[in-house]
Amino acid sequence: MMGTNLERVQKLISVELSIDIDKITQDAHLFDDLNFDSLDSVEVVLALENEFDIEIADDEIDNVQSVQNILDLLDNLA
């Protein structure tokens, strides 16, 4: 089973950035809570595109500030 989008996103961020999966909650802020920098964002976006077989536009990336934003984006692109 592939798991929910949340579970997949949690695992992906955890693996890509070596962040404790327990910290990657649905309302976690990427920059404030998870200490993302701009390079982390790029890495995660590339990983998301591969994982979910989608293409994320640059202007959509700019709006992504939280794990929930990622989930909303995935719903919109599904």
N, C-alpha and C. Protein backbone atom coordinates (compact mmCIF):
# COMPACT_ATOMS: atom_id res chain seq x y z
N MET A 1 0.84 -1.20 0.00
CA MET A 1 0.00 0.00 0.00
C MET A 1 0.88 1.26 0.00
N MET A 2 0.45 2.25 -0.74
CA MET A 2 1.27 3.43 -0.91
C MET A 2 1.12 4.43 0.24
N GLY A 3 0.05 4.33 1.00
CA GLY A 3 -0.16 5.26 2.09
C GLY A 3 -0.86 6.53 1.62
N THR A 4 -1.27 7.33 2.57
CA THR A 4 -1.92 8.59 2.24
C THR A 4 -0.89 9.57 1.70
N ASN A 5 -1.37 10.63 1.08
CA ASN A 5 -0.45 11.68 0.62
C ASN A 5 0.38 12.22 1.79
N LEU A 6 -0.28 12.41 2.94
CA LEU A 6 0.45 12.92 4.10
C LEU A 6 1.59 11.98 4.48
N GLU A 7 1.31 10.69 4.54
CA GLU A 7 2.35 9.73 4.91
C GLU A 7 3.49 9.72 3.88
N ARG A 8 3.12 9.82 2.62
CA ARG A 8 4.14 9.82 1.57
C ARG A 8 5.00 11.07 1.65
N VAL A 9 4.36 12.22 1.89
CA VAL A 9 5.08 13.49 2.01
C VAL A 9 5.99 13.47 3.24
N GLN A 10 5.47 12.95 4.34
CA GLN A 10 6.28 12.86 5.57
C GLN A 10 7.53 12.03 5.32
N LYS A 11 7.35 10.88 4.70
CA LYS A 11 8.47 9.99 4.45
C LYS A 11 9.48 10.64 3.51
N LEU A 12 8.97 11.27 2.48
CA LEU A 12 9.82 11.91 1.49
C LEU A 12 10.67 13.01 2.12
N ILE A 13 10.04 13.89 2.90
CA ILE A 13 10.79 14.98 3.55
C ILE A 13 11.78 14.41 4.55
N SER A 14 11.34 13.42 5.30
CA SER A 14 12.21 12.79 6.29
C SER A 14 13.45 12.21 5.64
N VAL A 15 13.26 11.49 4.53
CA VAL A 15 14.38 10.85 3.84
C VAL A 15 15.28 11.89 3.17
N GLU A 16 14.66 12.83 2.45
CA GLU A 16 15.43 13.82 1.69
C GLU A 16 16.29 14.69 2.60
N LEU A 17 15.72 15.12 3.72
CA LEU A 17 16.37 16.15 4.55
C LEU A 17 16.78 15.64 5.93
N SER A 18 16.64 14.34 6.15
CA SER A 18 17.01 13.75 7.44
C SER A 18 16.34 14.47 8.61
N ILE A 19 15.05 14.70 8.48
CA ILE A 19 14.27 15.33 9.55
C ILE A 19 13.45 14.24 10.23
N ASP A 20 13.38 14.28 11.53
CA ASP A 20 12.58 13.33 12.30
C ASP A 20 11.14 13.36 11.82
N ILE A 21 10.62 12.21 11.42
CA ILE A 21 9.28 12.15 10.82
C ILE A 21 8.21 12.65 11.78
N ASP A 22 8.43 12.55 13.07
CA ASP A 22 7.45 13.03 14.05
C ASP A 22 7.27 14.55 14.00
N LYS A 23 8.29 15.25 13.50
CA LYS A 23 8.22 16.71 13.42
C LYS A 23 7.46 17.17 12.18
N ILE A 24 7.28 16.26 11.24
CA ILE A 24 6.67 16.63 9.96
C ILE A 24 5.16 16.43 10.07
N THR A 25 4.52 17.35 10.78
CA THR A 25 3.07 17.28 10.96
C THR A 25 2.38 18.04 9.84
N GLN A 26 1.08 17.84 9.75
CA GLN A 26 0.32 18.47 8.67
C GLN A 26 0.39 19.99 8.75
N ASP A 27 0.46 20.53 9.97
CA ASP A 27 0.51 22.00 10.11
C ASP A 27 1.92 22.54 10.34
N ALA A 28 2.92 21.69 10.15
CA ALA A 28 4.31 22.17 10.31
C ALA A 28 4.65 23.17 9.21
N HIS A 29 5.27 24.26 9.61
CA HIS A 29 5.75 25.26 8.66
C HIS A 29 7.13 24.84 8.17
N LEU A 30 7.32 24.84 6.87
CA LEU A 30 8.56 24.29 6.30
C LEU A 30 9.79 25.07 6.77
N PHE A 31 9.69 26.39 6.78
CA PHE A 31 10.86 27.20 7.08
C PHE A 31 11.03 27.43 8.58
N ASP A 32 9.91 27.71 9.27
CA ASP A 32 9.99 28.02 10.70
C ASP A 32 10.16 26.76 11.55
N ASP A 33 9.37 25.73 11.25
CA ASP A 33 9.36 24.52 12.09
C ASP A 33 10.39 23.49 11.64
N LEU A 34 10.56 23.34 10.33
CA LEU A 34 11.43 22.28 9.80
C LEU A 34 12.77 22.82 9.30
N ASN A 35 12.95 24.13 9.44
CA ASN A 35 14.23 24.77 9.09
C ASN A 35 14.67 24.52 7.65
N PHE A 36 13.71 24.52 6.74
CA PHE A 36 14.04 24.45 5.32
C PHE A 36 14.82 25.68 4.91
N ASP A 37 15.71 25.52 3.93
CA ASP A 37 16.22 26.68 3.21
C ASP A 37 15.79 26.53 1.75
N SER A 38 16.17 27.48 0.91
CA SER A 38 15.66 27.44 -0.47
C SER A 38 16.13 26.20 -1.22
N LEU A 39 17.32 25.72 -0.91
CA LEU A 39 17.82 24.51 -1.56
C LEU A 39 17.01 23.29 -1.13
N ASP A 40 16.65 23.24 0.16
CA ASP A 40 15.80 22.14 0.65
C ASP A 40 14.48 22.12 -0.12
N SER A 41 13.92 23.30 -0.34
CA SER A 41 12.64 23.39 -1.06
C SER A 41 12.76 22.80 -2.45
N VAL A 42 13.84 23.14 -3.14
CA VAL A 42 14.06 22.63 -4.49
C VAL A 42 14.18 21.11 -4.46
N GLU A 43 14.96 20.59 -3.53
CA GLU A 43 15.14 19.14 -3.41
C GLU A 43 13.81 18.43 -3.17
N VAL A 44 13.02 18.99 -2.27
CA VAL A 44 11.75 18.36 -1.93
C VAL A 44 10.78 18.44 -3.10
N VAL A 45 10.77 19.57 -3.80
CA VAL A 45 9.89 19.69 -4.97
C VAL A 45 10.26 18.65 -6.03
N LEU A 46 11.55 18.49 -6.29
CA LEU A 46 11.99 17.48 -7.27
C LEU A 46 11.57 16.09 -6.83
N ALA A 47 11.73 15.82 -5.55
CA ALA A 47 11.35 14.51 -5.02
C ALA A 47 9.84 14.30 -5.11
N LEU A 48 9.07 15.36 -4.83
CA LEU A 48 7.61 15.27 -4.94
C LEU A 48 7.20 14.99 -6.38
N GLU A 49 7.84 15.68 -7.31
CA GLU A 49 7.51 15.49 -8.72
C GLU A 49 7.75 14.04 -9.14
N ASN A 50 8.86 13.48 -8.66
CA ASN A 50 9.16 12.08 -8.96
C ASN A 50 8.19 11.12 -8.28
N GLU A 51 7.96 11.36 -6.99
CA GLU A 51 7.12 10.47 -6.19
C GLU A 51 5.68 10.43 -6.72
N PHE A 52 5.15 11.61 -7.06
CA PHE A 52 3.74 11.70 -7.43
C PHE A 52 3.53 11.82 -8.93
N ASP A 53 4.62 11.82 -9.69
CA ASP A 53 4.57 11.92 -11.15
C ASP A 53 3.76 13.15 -11.60
N ILE A 54 4.19 14.30 -11.07
CA ILE A 54 3.52 15.57 -11.37
C ILE A 54 4.59 16.58 -11.76
N GLU A 55 4.12 17.73 -12.24
CA GLU A 55 5.03 18.85 -12.50
C GLU A 55 4.51 20.05 -11.72
N ILE A 56 5.39 20.63 -10.92
CA ILE A 56 5.00 21.75 -10.06
C ILE A 56 5.62 23.02 -10.65
N ALA A 57 4.77 23.99 -10.96
CA ALA A 57 5.23 25.25 -11.54
C ALA A 57 5.93 26.11 -10.49
N ASP A 58 6.87 26.92 -10.96
CA ASP A 58 7.65 27.76 -10.04
C ASP A 58 6.75 28.68 -9.20
N ASP A 59 5.71 29.23 -9.82
CA ASP A 59 4.85 30.14 -9.06
C ASP A 59 4.04 29.41 -8.00
N GLU A 60 3.82 28.12 -8.21
CA GLU A 60 3.12 27.33 -7.19
C GLU A 60 4.06 27.04 -6.01
N ILE A 61 5.32 26.83 -6.32
CA ILE A 61 6.31 26.54 -5.27
C ILE A 61 6.42 27.72 -4.31
N ASP A 62 6.33 28.93 -4.85
CA ASP A 62 6.46 30.13 -4.02
C ASP A 62 5.40 30.20 -2.93
N ASN A 63 4.25 29.57 -3.17
CA ASN A 63 3.14 29.62 -2.21
C ASN A 63 3.23 28.53 -1.16
N VAL A 64 4.17 27.63 -1.29
CA VAL A 64 4.25 26.49 -0.38
C VAL A 64 5.06 26.88 0.85
N GLN A 65 4.36 26.98 1.97
CA GLN A 65 4.99 27.36 3.23
C GLN A 65 4.86 26.29 4.31
N SER A 66 3.95 25.35 4.09
CA SER A 66 3.68 24.35 5.12
C SER A 66 3.43 22.98 4.49
N VAL A 67 3.42 21.98 5.33
CA VAL A 67 3.12 20.63 4.85
C VAL A 67 1.70 20.61 4.27
N GLN A 68 0.77 21.31 4.92
CA GLN A 68 -0.60 21.37 4.39
C GLN A 68 -0.62 21.97 2.99
N ASN A 69 0.19 23.00 2.75
CA ASN A 69 0.26 23.59 1.41
C ASN A 69 0.69 22.56 0.37
N ILE A 70 1.62 21.71 0.74
CA ILE A 70 2.07 20.64 -0.17
C ILE A 70 0.91 19.71 -0.48
N LEU A 71 0.16 19.34 0.56
CA LEU A 71 -0.98 18.44 0.38
C LEU A 71 -2.04 19.06 -0.50
N ASP A 72 -2.31 20.36 -0.30
CA ASP A 72 -3.29 21.06 -1.12
C ASP A 72 -2.84 21.09 -2.58
N LEU A 73 -1.56 21.33 -2.78
CA LEU A 73 -0.99 21.38 -4.12
C LEU A 73 -1.14 20.01 -4.80
N LEU A 74 -0.85 18.95 -4.06
CA LEU A 74 -0.99 17.61 -4.62
C LEU A 74 -2.44 17.31 -5.00
N ASP A 75 -3.37 17.76 -4.15
CA ASP A 75 -4.80 17.57 -4.46
C ASP A 75 -5.18 18.31 -5.74
N ASN A 76 -4.65 19.52 -5.90
CA ASN A 76 -4.97 20.34 -7.07
C ASN A 76 -4.39 19.76 -8.34
N LEU A 77 -3.24 19.08 -8.23
CA LEU A 77 -2.56 18.56 -9.40
C LEU A 77 -2.96 17.12 -9.72
N ALA A 78 -3.71 16.51 -8.81
CA ALA A 78 -4.06 15.10 -8.98
C ALA A 78 -5.01 14.91 -10.16
